[in-house]
Amino acid sequence: MALTGKRIFVGFGFGAIQAGLFLFEAYRSGKFRRLVVAEVLPEVVRAVRQAGGYYSVNVAHGDRVEAARIGPVEIENPAVEADRRRLIEAVAEVEEMATAVPSVEHYVSDTPGSVHRILGLGLRKKAALGGARAILYAAENHNHAAEILERGVAATIPEAELPLASSRLRTLNTVIGKMSGIVAIPRERERRGLAPIAPGLDRAFLVEAFNRILISRVCFDPDPKTPPFARGIEVFQEKEDLLPFEEAKLYGHNATHALAAYLGAIRGFQRIAELGSDPGIMSFLRAAFIEESGEALIRKHGGIDPLFTRAGYAEYADDLLARMVNPFLGDAVERVGRDPERKLAWDDRLIGTMRIALRMGVVPRRYAVGAAAALATWDRSALTEDKPVACWLEPLWDKAKPEAAEKGAILSLIEDGRQRLRRWISGSDLDKPPVLNALT
């Protein structure tokens, strides 16, 4: 399919979400004539350019993996001056953009190719030339990514120019429930028959087919001379208030995905899909998702959207659980469970879910087992030593300065979860799968 539309799309970061969601959907929309992406890895830039600007992404459906060829894209390295100038020119003309960099900390740096500097320079030029209004999807996993990026960009623009420049751009928060990753082991990529990103690269993009992405409402100041802004990527869904859906993502999807990974690690599974063969674990995950996360969020957000009803949340949970164990996605337990100390942070998915549940009058016993399993993944001695779980967890929580009573309640639940996890493990031998009777 040729690029026959009228719009320009610019992306920052060329990982699985940028390549397999934003560029992919922009290409499929038929609304864009140019696809531009910034990437800092020289070997990736070189390979895509040598392929004529085309790259491949592998899309996992429920019954197969399908390789899609996307392009041509103009791939630019912001560390190279000529490439950086082209990125700035593209921002001056663009209608839709997306950042998909590792975290919000990557928005601002001291380098000339920093995301916030390129956006600031391009936005100033857009304003001076009367260029098209634009939106930017901030895809980083942070509730206030858009606001953080806006502040960074504003700091690069002279005060006198800021009102006009700011009027040309709306930065949107996103809730991206699309599971994706990069298969970087050549033997694994070849075994699964995945198309590489481009010839000469060993790694491959692998994303699920899901594309129901939620975004903030697009709201430019009314102007009788200008028609309302229309998105080129029409498949995304706008929401007036994104925070409840961000909480469903973090405390529902992310928390249960982590719970699955840590139980899978204890069980000795290599792939999340393997959990689908264990009805005990799957029923445990579903109960945690619906009865703990779901019940808490329904009590907090009930009435604002059909998602926050018992029927709506059960449908959400069942859809996600089926997608998590899709064998064609083949997500690794190790990848989903990586950085357990980060996922045990006071405000992150496991402890955060427990906290919101307790506030809503729900006892999160299953997520407490997940927190204990995460702790055991981080330090296996947590299962064998008798020292309190607080010895590991309190140092992680120091910066958050949790209130003593809430911290004590969380620690008590995790301590109980550790005992239940030990009983689960001791109820089996190496030749028999454990059962979750001790957990449920």
Protein backbone atom coordinates (compact mmCIF):
# COMPACT_ATOMS: atom_id res chain seq x y z
CA MET A 1 0.00 0.00 0.00
CA ALA A 2 1.48 3.34 -1.07
CA LEU A 3 1.45 6.45 1.11
CA THR A 4 -1.28 8.45 -0.62
CA GLY A 5 -2.70 10.65 2.15
CA LYS A 6 -2.10 14.32 2.86
CA ARG A 7 -0.76 14.29 6.42
CA ILE A 8 2.64 13.86 8.03
CA PHE A 9 3.33 11.65 11.03
CA VAL A 10 6.45 11.98 13.21
CA GLY A 11 7.47 9.46 15.85
CA PHE A 12 10.21 9.63 18.49
CA GLY A 13 11.67 6.24 19.38
CA PHE A 14 11.54 3.19 17.12
CA GLY A 15 10.60 0.40 19.48
CA ALA A 16 7.76 -2.10 19.32
CA ILE A 17 5.02 0.38 20.30
CA GLN A 18 6.10 3.06 17.85
CA ALA A 19 6.67 0.58 15.02
CA GLY A 20 3.82 -1.80 15.80
CA LEU A 21 1.17 0.69 16.89
CA PHE A 22 1.63 4.32 15.88
CA LEU A 23 3.49 3.97 12.58
CA PHE A 24 1.52 0.79 11.84
CA GLU A 25 -1.87 2.47 12.37
CA ALA A 26 -0.80 5.64 10.56
CA TYR A 27 0.23 3.52 7.59
CA ARG A 28 -3.00 1.48 7.66
CA SER A 29 -5.17 4.61 7.88
CA GLY A 30 -4.22 5.77 4.37
CA LYS A 31 -4.26 9.37 5.67
CA PHE A 32 -0.51 10.07 5.65
CA ARG A 33 1.89 10.92 2.85
CA ARG A 34 5.02 10.89 5.01
CA LEU A 35 6.03 8.73 7.97
CA VAL A 36 9.06 10.07 9.85
CA VAL A 37 10.68 8.47 12.88
CA ALA A 38 13.61 9.38 15.14
CA GLU A 39 15.90 6.54 16.25
CA VAL A 40 19.23 6.78 18.10
CA LEU A 41 20.63 3.33 17.22
CA PRO A 42 22.85 3.82 14.13
CA GLU A 43 22.66 0.17 13.05
CA VAL A 44 18.85 0.30 12.99
CA VAL A 45 18.83 3.57 11.03
CA ARG A 46 21.31 2.11 8.56
CA ALA A 47 19.40 -1.16 8.07
CA VAL A 48 16.02 0.50 7.50
CA ARG A 49 17.53 2.98 5.07
CA GLN A 50 19.25 0.17 3.17
CA ALA A 51 15.85 -1.53 2.93
CA GLY A 52 14.47 1.52 1.15
CA GLY A 53 12.74 2.80 4.28
CA TYR A 54 10.74 -0.39 4.85
CA TYR A 55 10.58 -2.42 8.05
CA SER A 56 8.63 -5.47 9.24
CA VAL A 57 6.47 -5.99 12.30
CA ASN A 58 5.07 -9.37 13.38
CA VAL A 59 1.45 -9.21 14.53
CA ALA A 60 0.15 -11.95 16.84
CA HIS A 61 -3.49 -12.86 16.22
CA GLY A 62 -5.38 -15.51 18.15
CA ASP A 63 -4.57 -18.16 15.56
CA ARG A 64 -1.40 -17.06 13.78
CA VAL A 65 1.43 -14.57 13.47
CA GLU A 66 1.31 -12.31 10.44
CA ALA A 67 4.29 -10.28 9.21
CA ALA A 68 3.43 -6.80 7.93
CA ARG A 69 5.79 -4.68 5.84
CA ILE A 70 5.51 -0.96 6.57
CA GLY A 71 6.93 1.98 4.68
CA PRO A 72 8.54 3.83 3.31
CA VAL A 73 9.51 5.61 6.51
CA GLU A 74 12.07 8.38 6.79
CA ILE A 75 14.25 7.28 9.70
CA GLU A 76 16.51 9.94 11.22
CA ASN A 77 19.12 9.83 13.96
CA PRO A 78 18.69 12.95 16.16
CA ALA A 79 22.36 12.71 17.18
CA VAL A 80 23.34 13.55 13.56
CA GLU A 81 23.02 17.23 12.68
CA ALA A 82 21.58 16.79 9.17
CA ASP A 83 19.04 14.25 10.44
CA ARG A 84 18.13 16.53 13.32
CA ARG A 85 17.42 19.41 10.94
CA ARG A 86 15.09 17.20 8.92
CA LEU A 87 13.25 16.18 12.09
CA ILE A 88 12.77 19.83 13.06
CA GLU A 89 11.43 20.62 9.57
CA ALA A 90 9.04 17.68 9.79
CA VAL A 91 7.73 18.84 13.20
CA ALA A 92 7.07 22.27 11.68
CA GLU A 93 4.75 20.63 9.12
CA VAL A 94 3.34 17.68 11.05
CA GLU A 95 -0.27 16.99 12.08
CA GLU A 96 0.25 13.93 14.32
CA MET A 97 3.19 12.77 16.43
CA ALA A 98 3.95 10.19 19.09
CA THR A 99 6.70 9.72 21.63
CA ALA A 100 7.44 6.09 22.51
CA VAL A 101 10.75 6.35 24.36
CA PRO A 102 11.74 4.21 27.38
CA SER A 103 10.36 6.61 30.00
CA VAL A 104 9.46 10.24 30.67
CA GLU A 105 13.05 10.73 31.90
CA HIS A 106 14.13 10.49 28.25
CA TYR A 107 12.17 13.59 27.21
CA VAL A 108 14.85 16.01 28.38
CA SER A 109 18.62 15.69 28.07
CA ASP A 110 21.61 17.97 27.55
CA THR A 111 22.15 16.76 23.98
CA PRO A 112 21.15 18.80 20.89
CA GLY A 113 19.04 15.83 19.77
CA SER A 114 16.91 15.75 22.92
CA VAL A 115 13.21 15.16 22.24
CA HIS A 116 12.17 18.38 23.97
CA ARG A 117 14.62 20.50 21.95
CA ILE A 118 13.59 19.10 18.58
CA LEU A 119 9.93 19.59 19.46
CA GLY A 120 10.56 23.11 20.73
CA LEU A 121 12.46 24.20 17.63
CA GLY A 122 9.94 22.59 15.31
CA LEU A 123 7.01 24.11 17.19
CA ARG A 124 8.55 27.60 17.03
CA LYS A 125 8.95 27.24 13.28
CA LYS A 126 5.41 25.90 12.93
CA ALA A 127 4.04 28.95 14.76
CA ALA A 128 6.16 31.42 12.76
CA LEU A 129 5.03 29.92 9.44
CA GLY A 130 1.40 29.44 10.45
CA GLY A 131 1.80 25.67 10.12
CA ALA A 132 -0.85 23.05 10.75
CA ARG A 133 -2.11 22.36 14.25
CA ALA A 134 -0.79 19.08 15.59
CA ILE A 135 -1.41 16.53 18.31
CA LEU A 136 1.18 14.38 20.05
CA TYR A 137 0.44 11.03 21.69
CA ALA A 138 2.66 10.62 24.77
CA ALA A 139 2.94 6.83 24.95
CA GLU A 140 5.23 6.55 27.97
CA ASN A 141 3.73 4.57 30.87
CA HIS A 142 3.08 7.55 33.15
CA ASN A 143 -0.19 9.16 34.24
CA HIS A 144 1.11 12.66 33.52
CA ALA A 145 3.47 12.05 30.60
CA ALA A 146 1.79 14.73 28.46
CA GLU A 147 2.12 17.40 31.12
CA ILE A 148 5.77 16.52 31.77
CA LEU A 149 6.59 16.73 28.07
CA GLU A 150 4.70 20.01 27.67
CA ARG A 151 6.74 21.58 30.47
CA GLY A 152 9.98 20.37 28.93
CA VAL A 153 9.12 21.76 25.50
CA ALA A 154 7.86 25.06 26.92
CA ALA A 155 11.20 25.59 28.65
CA THR A 156 12.93 25.74 25.23
CA ILE A 157 10.63 28.43 23.78
CA PRO A 158 11.15 32.17 24.46
CA GLU A 159 8.37 33.60 26.60
CA ALA A 160 7.19 35.99 23.88
CA GLU A 161 6.70 33.12 21.43
CA LEU A 162 5.16 30.66 23.84
CA PRO A 163 1.42 31.53 23.56
CA LEU A 164 1.37 31.20 19.76
CA ALA A 165 3.61 28.13 19.72
CA SER A 166 1.57 26.39 22.43
CA SER A 167 -1.65 27.04 20.53
CA ARG A 168 -0.43 24.88 17.66
CA LEU A 169 0.03 21.66 19.69
CA ARG A 170 -2.01 19.48 22.02
CA THR A 171 -0.14 16.75 23.87
CA LEU A 172 -2.30 13.78 24.84
CA ASN A 173 -1.95 11.16 27.53
CA THR A 174 -2.57 7.57 26.47
CA VAL A 175 -3.62 4.25 27.93
CA ILE A 176 -1.97 1.54 25.84
CA GLY A 177 -3.12 -1.96 26.71
CA LYS A 178 -1.28 -3.46 23.74
CA MET A 179 1.25 -6.15 24.63
CA SER A 180 4.41 -5.99 22.58
CA GLY A 181 8.12 -6.62 22.63
CA ILE A 182 11.32 -7.23 20.72
CA VAL A 183 12.61 -10.75 20.11
CA ALA A 184 16.35 -10.15 20.23
CA ILE A 185 17.70 -13.72 20.28
CA PRO A 186 18.35 -14.79 16.67
CA ARG A 187 17.77 -18.49 17.38
CA GLU A 188 14.41 -17.72 18.99
CA ARG A 189 13.39 -15.42 16.14
CA GLU A 190 14.27 -18.07 13.56
CA ARG A 191 12.54 -20.85 15.50
CA ARG A 192 9.32 -18.86 15.57
CA GLY A 193 9.61 -17.76 11.95
CA LEU A 194 9.53 -14.04 12.77
CA ALA A 195 10.50 -11.48 10.17
CA PRO A 196 13.44 -9.30 11.28
CA ILE A 197 12.94 -5.56 11.56
CA ALA A 198 15.00 -5.17 8.38
CA PRO A 199 17.55 -7.31 6.53
CA GLY A 200 20.81 -7.38 8.46
CA LEU A 201 19.17 -7.00 11.88
CA ASP A 202 18.76 -10.01 14.16
CA ARG A 203 15.91 -8.59 16.24
CA ALA A 204 12.20 -8.63 15.43
CA PHE A 205 9.16 -6.61 16.50
CA LEU A 206 6.31 -8.75 17.87
CA VAL A 207 3.02 -7.11 18.87
CA GLU A 208 -0.49 -8.34 19.49
CA ALA A 209 -3.25 -7.34 17.08
CA PHE A 210 -5.13 -5.39 19.80
CA ASN A 211 -5.43 -1.66 18.97
CA ARG A 212 -8.20 -0.26 21.22
CA ILE A 213 -6.06 2.56 22.60
CA LEU A 214 -7.49 5.29 24.84
CA ILE A 215 -6.33 8.91 24.58
CA SER A 216 -7.14 12.26 26.14
CA ARG A 217 -9.81 14.37 24.49
CA VAL A 218 -8.41 16.56 21.68
CA CYS A 219 -9.40 20.10 22.59
CA PHE A 220 -8.04 23.10 20.69
CA ASP A 221 -9.28 26.61 21.41
CA PRO A 222 -12.31 27.33 19.18
CA ASP A 223 -11.56 29.32 16.04
CA PRO A 224 -14.38 30.19 13.59
CA LYS A 225 -11.87 30.32 10.74
CA THR A 226 -10.50 26.83 11.40
CA PRO A 227 -12.45 23.56 11.12
CA PRO A 228 -12.34 21.18 14.12
CA PHE A 229 -9.22 19.05 14.30
CA ALA A 230 -9.72 15.57 12.81
CA ARG A 231 -7.31 12.77 13.71
CA GLY A 232 -5.73 10.77 10.92
CA ILE A 233 -5.40 7.74 13.20
CA GLU A 234 -9.11 7.36 13.83
CA VAL A 235 -9.03 3.99 15.63
CA PHE A 236 -8.01 5.47 19.00
CA GLN A 237 -10.79 6.34 21.47
CA GLU A 238 -10.93 9.75 23.18
CA LYS A 239 -11.93 9.99 26.84
CA GLU A 240 -12.78 13.12 28.79
CA ASP A 241 -11.02 11.89 31.93
CA LEU A 242 -8.30 9.33 31.33
CA LEU A 243 -7.25 8.77 34.96
CA PRO A 244 -9.78 6.01 35.80
CA PHE A 245 -8.71 4.08 32.71
CA GLU A 246 -5.04 4.60 33.57
CA GLU A 247 -5.79 3.07 36.98
CA ALA A 248 -7.55 0.12 35.31
CA LYS A 249 -4.45 -0.38 33.17
CA LEU A 250 -1.96 -0.17 36.06
CA TYR A 251 -3.99 -1.84 38.82
CA GLY A 252 -5.81 -4.30 36.58
CA HIS A 253 -3.85 -5.20 33.45
CA ASN A 254 -0.31 -4.51 34.67
CA ALA A 255 -0.87 -5.87 38.18
CA THR A 256 -2.39 -9.13 36.95
CA HIS A 257 0.24 -9.53 34.22
CA ALA A 258 2.91 -9.19 36.92
CA LEU A 259 1.05 -11.61 39.19
CA ALA A 260 0.98 -14.13 36.32
CA ALA A 261 4.70 -13.69 35.68
CA TYR A 262 5.74 -14.19 39.30
CA LEU A 263 3.51 -17.23 39.83
CA GLY A 264 4.84 -18.55 36.53
CA ALA A 265 8.41 -18.01 37.70
CA ILE A 266 7.75 -19.91 40.94
CA ARG A 267 6.08 -22.67 38.91
CA GLY A 268 9.09 -22.85 36.56
CA PHE A 269 7.30 -21.74 33.40
CA GLN A 270 9.25 -20.04 30.62
CA ARG A 271 6.29 -18.48 28.77
CA ILE A 272 3.18 -16.69 30.04
CA ALA A 273 1.22 -18.81 27.55
CA GLU A 274 2.11 -21.92 29.59
CA LEU A 275 -0.10 -20.65 32.43
CA GLY A 276 -3.09 -21.30 30.19
CA SER A 277 -2.59 -25.04 30.73
CA ASP A 278 -2.93 -24.65 34.50
CA PRO A 279 -6.60 -24.04 35.41
CA GLY A 280 -5.69 -23.45 39.05
CA ILE A 281 -3.43 -20.53 38.26
CA MET A 282 -5.85 -19.11 35.69
CA SER A 283 -8.78 -19.17 38.12
CA PHE A 284 -6.54 -17.54 40.74
CA LEU A 285 -5.57 -14.77 38.31
CA ARG A 286 -9.18 -14.20 37.29
CA ALA A 287 -10.32 -13.99 40.91
CA ALA A 288 -7.57 -11.47 41.71
CA PHE A 289 -8.41 -9.41 38.63
CA ILE A 290 -12.17 -9.29 39.20
CA GLU A 291 -12.68 -9.65 42.96
CA GLU A 292 -9.78 -7.49 44.15
CA SER A 293 -8.68 -5.05 41.44
CA GLY A 294 -12.10 -4.91 39.81
CA GLU A 295 -14.14 -4.59 42.99
CA ALA A 296 -11.89 -1.77 44.25
CA LEU A 297 -11.99 0.20 40.99
CA ILE A 298 -15.75 -0.28 40.57
CA ARG A 299 -16.27 1.13 44.06
CA LYS A 300 -14.03 4.08 43.20
CA HIS A 301 -15.12 4.85 39.63
CA GLY A 302 -18.55 3.24 39.29
CA GLY A 303 -20.96 5.21 37.12
CA ILE A 304 -18.47 6.95 34.83
CA ASP A 305 -18.16 4.24 32.18
CA PRO A 306 -19.52 0.72 31.48
CA LEU A 307 -16.01 -0.62 32.21
CA PHE A 308 -16.54 0.12 35.90
CA THR A 309 -19.45 -2.27 36.35
CA ARG A 310 -19.20 -5.89 37.39
CA ALA A 311 -20.18 -7.10 33.93
CA GLY A 312 -17.91 -4.60 32.18
CA TYR A 313 -14.89 -5.34 34.33
CA ALA A 314 -15.37 -9.12 34.05
CA GLU A 315 -15.42 -8.76 30.26
CA TYR A 316 -12.26 -6.63 30.44
CA ALA A 317 -10.53 -9.22 32.64
CA ASP A 318 -11.52 -12.21 30.54
CA ASP A 319 -10.39 -10.53 27.32
CA LEU A 320 -7.01 -9.62 28.83
CA LEU A 321 -6.41 -13.03 30.37
CA ALA A 322 -7.08 -14.72 27.04
CA ARG A 323 -4.69 -12.31 25.30
CA MET A 324 -1.99 -12.78 27.93
CA VAL A 325 -1.80 -16.52 27.29
CA ASN A 326 -1.95 -16.22 23.49
CA PRO A 327 0.70 -18.75 22.38
CA PHE A 328 1.38 -16.75 19.23
CA LEU A 329 2.43 -13.77 21.34
CA GLY A 330 4.69 -16.05 23.38
CA ASP A 331 5.57 -13.50 26.04
CA ALA A 332 8.46 -14.64 28.25
CA VAL A 333 7.88 -14.93 31.99
CA GLU A 334 11.30 -13.38 32.53
CA ARG A 335 10.45 -10.33 30.39
CA VAL A 336 7.09 -9.65 32.06
CA GLY A 337 8.57 -10.16 35.52
CA ARG A 338 11.79 -8.21 35.02
CA ASP A 339 12.75 -5.54 37.58
CA PRO A 340 10.72 -7.01 40.47
CA GLU A 341 12.08 -4.39 42.86
CA ARG A 342 10.59 -1.64 40.63
CA LYS A 343 7.26 -3.45 40.46
CA LEU A 344 7.26 -3.72 44.26
CA ALA A 345 7.58 0.07 44.63
CA TRP A 346 5.04 1.79 46.87
CA ASP A 347 3.13 3.35 43.96
CA ASP A 348 3.63 0.64 41.34
CA ARG A 349 1.33 -2.15 40.15
CA LEU A 350 1.42 -4.71 42.97
CA ILE A 351 1.63 -2.55 46.08
CA GLY A 352 -0.43 0.19 44.41
CA THR A 353 -3.23 -2.29 43.71
CA MET A 354 -3.14 -3.51 47.30
CA ARG A 355 -3.30 0.06 48.59
CA ILE A 356 -6.24 1.11 46.45
CA ALA A 357 -8.08 -2.10 47.35
CA LEU A 358 -7.64 -1.52 51.08
CA ARG A 359 -8.85 2.07 50.72
CA MET A 360 -11.98 0.78 48.99
CA GLY A 361 -12.63 -1.85 51.68
CA VAL A 362 -11.35 -4.83 49.67
CA VAL A 363 -8.74 -7.23 51.11
CA PRO A 364 -6.17 -7.95 48.35
CA ARG A 365 -4.99 -11.38 49.50
CA ARG A 366 -4.17 -12.65 46.02
CA TYR A 367 -2.08 -9.63 45.05
CA ALA A 368 -0.29 -10.04 48.39
CA VAL A 369 0.70 -13.53 47.21
CA GLY A 370 1.89 -11.89 43.99
CA ALA A 371 3.98 -9.40 45.96
CA ALA A 372 5.52 -12.27 47.94
CA ALA A 373 6.25 -14.13 44.69
CA ALA A 374 7.84 -10.98 43.23
CA LEU A 375 9.99 -10.69 46.35
CA ALA A 376 11.03 -14.34 45.97
CA THR A 377 11.89 -13.70 42.32
CA TRP A 378 14.05 -10.77 43.36
CA ASP A 379 15.70 -12.68 46.24
CA ARG A 380 15.00 -16.40 46.51
CA SER A 381 16.10 -16.39 50.13
CA ALA A 382 12.84 -14.59 50.96
CA LEU A 383 11.19 -18.00 50.73
CA THR A 384 13.68 -19.76 52.99
CA GLU A 385 14.70 -17.15 55.54
CA ASP A 386 12.51 -16.19 58.48
CA LYS A 387 13.38 -12.52 58.56
CA PRO A 388 10.35 -10.23 58.04
CA VAL A 389 9.45 -9.13 54.52
CA ALA A 390 9.88 -5.58 55.81
CA CYS A 391 13.66 -6.10 55.69
CA TRP A 392 13.46 -6.15 51.91
CA LEU A 393 10.51 -3.85 51.29
CA GLU A 394 10.91 -0.94 53.67
CA PRO A 395 14.15 0.29 52.01
CA LEU A 396 12.31 0.26 48.65
CA TRP A 397 9.59 2.46 50.09
CA ASP A 398 11.73 4.98 51.99
CA LYS A 399 11.46 7.76 49.40
CA ALA A 400 7.66 7.44 49.26
CA LYS A 401 7.47 7.98 53.05
CA PRO A 402 4.36 5.81 53.51
CA GLU A 403 2.06 6.41 56.45
CA ALA A 404 2.86 3.92 59.21
CA ALA A 405 -0.59 2.33 59.56
CA GLU A 406 -1.00 1.77 55.81
CA LYS A 407 2.53 0.39 55.52
CA GLY A 408 1.90 -1.97 58.42
CA ALA A 409 -1.30 -3.28 56.84
CA ILE A 410 0.45 -3.91 53.51
CA LEU A 411 3.41 -5.65 55.15
CA SER A 412 1.08 -7.87 57.18
CA LEU A 413 -0.77 -8.96 54.05
CA ILE A 414 2.47 -9.73 52.21
CA GLU A 415 3.76 -11.68 55.19
CA ASP A 416 0.58 -13.74 55.06
CA GLY A 417 0.98 -14.06 51.29
CA ARG A 418 4.50 -15.42 51.77
CA GLN A 419 3.21 -18.13 54.12
CA ARG A 420 0.50 -19.09 51.62
CA LEU A 421 3.10 -19.16 48.84
CA ARG A 422 5.30 -21.49 50.90
CA ARG A 423 2.34 -23.81 51.49
CA TRP A 424 1.59 -23.82 47.77
CA ILE A 425 5.17 -24.76 46.93
CA SER A 426 5.45 -27.42 49.63
CA GLY A 427 2.24 -29.07 48.43
CA SER A 428 3.98 -30.52 45.38
CA ASP A 429 7.16 -32.24 44.34
CA LEU A 430 9.27 -31.74 41.24
CA ASP A 431 7.26 -34.29 39.28
CA LYS A 432 3.81 -32.89 40.06
CA PRO A 433 2.44 -29.43 39.35
CA PRO A 434 1.51 -27.40 42.41
CA VAL A 435 -2.13 -26.67 43.07
CA LEU A 436 -3.55 -23.39 44.28
CA ASN A 437 -5.84 -24.78 46.97
CA ALA A 438 -3.56 -23.21 49.58
CA LEU A 439 -3.86 -19.84 47.87
CA THR A 440 -7.55 -19.50 47.00
